[in-house]
Every structure is written in C-alpha cells, then in structure tokens.
Amino acid sequence: MKREISEAYLRLIKTKDGDKITVKDLFQECGVSRQTFYYHFRDLMDVIEYSLRGILDDVVQECAKMDDPKDAIRHVLNTVIMNRSLIRRLETTSRHKEIEKIVATALHDTMAAILDIHDSDYRHLPKNDRETLLEFFSFGILGFVLSHLDDKNMDVDKLTDQLFRIYSGELKLL
C-alpha cells in the first residue's frame, strides 16, 4: 500500500504543482481512505521522502551489481537525468529545502552503500573521516548535478569521468 501511495504521488507531481497536492488528492488517486493513508504515512513530506528513497534504493541495488565504480557514477547520473522533471517540480515547492535535505541524506546513504561495496580504502578510514567525505561529496554532487540539470546537451560520459577522477583523487585542488 505504501508503494501505491508513493506511485500516486509521483503520478500527481507530473501534472500538478507540488504545493497543491493534498493528502485528499493522494487517497483519491489511489482509491484508499484517509485512515489508510495515515496508517502508512505521517504527512506528505513522509510520502515524498519514501518516494525519493525508493528511487535511490533502486539505484543502490543496481550499483551494487556493478564491478566498476565509474559505471555506478554513470548510473546515478542517468537516473538523475531520467528524473529531471520530477527534481525540477520538487524544487519549485515551498518545501524545497526539506526536500533537498532528504535528497542529500539519501544520496549520502546511496554513496555509503556503493563505497562499502566497491572501495576497500573507504572501509578502512575512521568513521569520522568517512562521514566527512560522504557529507562533502553528497552536497557537492547534489549541487553539481543540479547546476547541470537543465543542460539538454549534458555529456554524461564526460561528467562521469570528471566525478570519477575527483572520487579517485586524480582530479584535485592540492
């Protein structure tokens, strides 16, 4: 049922302003009662978080199957491009700062899962250092991707290569 409500939200956000979507819209869209909605979710932000985490969990599962971290980066970028309109519609809501934090946290968790699978050097870092790196890269990648989101000619291979070189330490400031 949670998945159905989440999918209803994702359908509605494609055609309706995010600030205008109500709980009533959601339970009418998926044919459940208000009581059923509140059994599964606290509020609309809970639905948004669940929906975004679902998308990113799928990304983690796909990336876990990949042997090359560069392929994982490419997959993340392609997922962002596929969800470009959803991201832009969520950015226009009055809750965009909350949504940005949810995405950054989910991206943090996604990157942690990918690095745990693919990078033994990462696993051996002290926990505090791992968290600092993850937070830095999560917000950095989020900002980087958002700044390139409207570029219809985005070269995914070039961006993948650049992000991989940053990740691998080949591209650095110092």
Protein backbone atom coordinates (compact mmCIF):
# COMPACT_ATOMS: atom_id res chain seq x y z
CA MET A 1 0.00 0.00 0.00
CA LYS A 2 2.88 2.39 0.78
CA ARG A 3 4.25 1.79 -2.70
CA GLU A 4 0.84 2.51 -4.27
CA ILE A 5 0.51 5.80 -2.38
CA SER A 6 4.07 6.72 -3.36
CA GLU A 7 3.39 5.94 -7.02
CA ALA A 8 0.20 8.03 -6.83
CA TYR A 9 2.27 10.96 -5.55
CA LEU A 10 4.79 10.53 -8.37
CA ARG A 11 1.95 10.50 -10.92
CA LEU A 12 0.35 13.62 -9.43
CA ILE A 13 3.58 15.62 -9.26
CA LYS A 14 3.98 15.20 -13.03
CA THR A 15 0.79 17.16 -13.69
CA LYS A 16 0.11 19.21 -10.58
CA ASP A 17 2.04 21.86 -8.66
CA GLY A 18 3.70 20.14 -5.68
CA ASP A 19 2.33 22.71 -3.24
CA LYS A 20 -1.19 21.99 -4.44
CA ILE A 21 -1.06 18.21 -3.88
CA THR A 22 -3.03 17.30 -0.77
CA VAL A 23 -3.49 14.14 1.24
CA LYS A 24 -7.02 14.04 -0.15
CA ASP A 25 -5.61 14.07 -3.70
CA LEU A 26 -3.40 11.11 -2.83
CA PHE A 27 -6.01 8.90 -1.26
CA GLN A 28 -8.44 9.70 -4.08
CA GLU A 29 -5.77 8.98 -6.71
CA CYS A 30 -5.06 5.52 -5.31
CA GLY A 31 -8.56 4.75 -4.02
CA VAL A 32 -7.83 4.39 -0.31
CA SER A 33 -9.32 6.02 2.75
CA ARG A 34 -7.78 8.88 4.71
CA GLN A 35 -7.35 6.42 7.58
CA THR A 36 -5.36 4.06 5.34
CA PHE A 37 -3.13 6.93 4.23
CA TYR A 38 -2.35 7.93 7.82
CA TYR A 39 -1.76 4.33 8.80
CA HIS A 40 1.17 4.28 6.36
CA PHE A 41 2.41 7.90 6.36
CA ARG A 42 2.59 10.79 8.85
CA ASP A 43 2.17 13.52 6.20
CA LEU A 44 3.02 14.50 2.64
CA MET A 45 6.72 15.01 3.43
CA ASP A 46 6.79 11.42 4.64
CA VAL A 47 5.40 10.33 1.24
CA ILE A 48 7.98 12.46 -0.59
CA GLU A 49 10.82 11.02 1.47
CA TYR A 50 9.58 7.47 0.96
CA SER A 51 9.25 8.08 -2.80
CA LEU A 52 12.72 9.56 -3.18
CA ARG A 53 14.30 6.88 -1.03
CA GLY A 54 12.58 4.25 -3.17
CA ILE A 55 14.16 5.67 -6.31
CA LEU A 56 17.59 5.88 -4.65
CA ASP A 57 17.29 2.39 -3.12
CA ASP A 58 16.76 1.07 -6.64
CA VAL A 59 19.91 2.93 -7.70
CA VAL A 60 21.89 1.34 -4.84
CA GLN A 61 20.69 -2.13 -5.81
CA GLU A 62 21.71 -1.59 -9.43
CA CYS A 63 25.07 -0.08 -8.45
CA ALA A 64 25.76 -2.99 -6.12
CA LYS A 65 25.72 -5.28 -9.15
CA MET A 66 28.36 -3.21 -10.95
CA ASP A 67 32.05 -4.04 -10.71
CA ASP A 68 33.30 -0.61 -11.78
CA PRO A 69 32.63 2.48 -9.61
CA LYS A 70 32.65 4.56 -12.81
CA ASP A 71 29.64 2.56 -14.04
CA ALA A 72 27.92 3.27 -10.72
CA ILE A 73 28.52 7.02 -11.12
CA ARG A 74 27.17 6.88 -14.69
CA HIS A 75 24.08 5.03 -13.47
CA VAL A 76 23.44 7.67 -10.78
CA LEU A 77 23.76 10.47 -13.36
CA ASN A 78 21.45 8.68 -15.79
CA THR A 79 18.89 8.21 -13.01
CA VAL A 80 19.04 11.94 -12.28
CA ILE A 81 18.51 12.72 -15.95
CA MET A 82 15.57 10.30 -16.13
CA ASN A 83 14.01 12.05 -13.13
CA ARG A 84 14.92 15.58 -14.27
CA SER A 85 11.33 16.84 -14.45
CA LEU A 86 10.47 15.35 -11.04
CA ILE A 87 13.50 17.05 -9.50
CA ARG A 88 12.64 20.40 -11.03
CA ARG A 89 8.99 20.12 -9.94
CA LEU A 90 10.06 19.30 -6.38
CA GLU A 91 12.42 22.29 -6.40
CA THR A 92 9.51 24.65 -7.03
CA THR A 93 7.61 23.64 -3.91
CA SER A 94 7.68 25.68 -0.74
CA ARG A 95 9.32 22.70 0.94
CA HIS A 96 12.26 22.53 -1.45
CA LYS A 97 14.81 22.98 1.35
CA GLU A 98 13.37 19.99 3.23
CA ILE A 99 13.32 18.01 0.01
CA GLU A 100 16.92 18.99 -0.76
CA LYS A 101 17.95 17.73 2.68
CA ILE A 102 16.09 14.44 2.09
CA VAL A 103 17.83 14.02 -1.28
CA ALA A 104 21.25 14.86 0.21
CA THR A 105 20.70 12.37 3.03
CA ALA A 106 19.51 9.70 0.60
CA LEU A 107 22.47 10.45 -1.67
CA HIS A 108 24.76 10.15 1.36
CA ASP A 109 23.28 6.73 2.16
CA THR A 110 23.48 5.69 -1.50
CA MET A 111 27.13 6.67 -1.75
CA ALA A 112 27.94 4.92 1.54
CA ALA A 113 26.38 1.70 0.26
CA ILE A 114 28.23 1.95 -3.07
CA LEU A 115 31.57 2.70 -1.40
CA ASP A 116 31.08 -0.11 1.12
CA ILE A 117 30.74 -2.49 -1.81
CA HIS A 118 33.39 -1.11 -4.18
CA ASP A 119 36.10 0.63 -2.16
CA SER A 120 38.19 -1.17 0.44
CA ASP A 121 40.21 2.01 1.16
CA TYR A 122 36.98 3.76 2.17
CA ARG A 123 36.04 0.94 4.55
CA HIS A 124 39.35 1.31 6.38
CA LEU A 125 39.01 5.04 7.06
CA PRO A 126 37.99 6.15 10.56
CA LYS A 127 34.20 6.58 10.84
CA ASN A 128 34.51 10.35 11.35
CA ASP A 129 36.56 10.71 8.14
CA ARG A 130 34.10 8.54 6.19
CA GLU A 131 31.21 10.71 7.34
CA THR A 132 33.04 13.93 6.44
CA LEU A 133 33.84 12.62 2.96
CA LEU A 134 30.29 11.41 2.44
CA GLU A 135 28.75 14.69 3.55
CA PHE A 136 31.14 16.70 1.38
CA PHE A 137 30.56 14.58 -1.71
CA SER A 138 26.81 14.27 -1.14
CA PHE A 139 26.26 18.03 -1.10
CA GLY A 140 28.93 18.58 -3.75
CA ILE A 141 27.42 16.07 -6.16
CA LEU A 142 23.92 17.35 -5.44
CA GLY A 143 24.94 20.94 -6.24
CA PHE A 144 26.98 19.86 -9.25
CA VAL A 145 24.15 17.80 -10.72
CA LEU A 146 21.51 20.47 -10.04
CA SER A 147 23.66 23.07 -11.78
CA HIS A 148 23.87 20.85 -14.89
CA LEU A 149 20.29 19.54 -14.77
CA ASP A 150 18.86 21.89 -17.39
CA ASP A 151 21.69 21.27 -19.84
CA LYS A 152 19.92 19.30 -22.58
CA ASN A 153 23.33 18.52 -24.10
CA MET A 154 24.76 17.15 -20.86
CA ASP A 155 27.63 14.83 -21.68
CA VAL A 156 27.07 12.04 -19.16
CA ASP A 157 30.31 10.29 -20.09
CA LYS A 158 32.34 13.48 -19.55
CA LEU A 159 30.64 14.23 -16.20
CA THR A 160 31.06 10.60 -15.16
CA ASP A 161 34.75 10.80 -15.96
CA GLN A 162 35.18 14.07 -14.06
CA LEU A 163 33.32 12.83 -10.98
CA PHE A 164 35.27 9.57 -11.06
CA ARG A 165 38.56 11.45 -11.24
CA ILE A 166 37.52 13.52 -8.21
CA TYR A 167 36.48 10.34 -6.39
CA SER A 168 39.75 8.57 -7.27
CA GLY A 169 41.86 11.57 -6.25
CA GLU A 170 43.21 12.11 -9.77
CA LEU A 171 41.43 15.47 -10.08
CA LYS A 172 42.15 17.58 -7.02
CA LEU A 173 42.91 21.13 -5.91
CA LEU A 174 46.10 20.49 -3.96
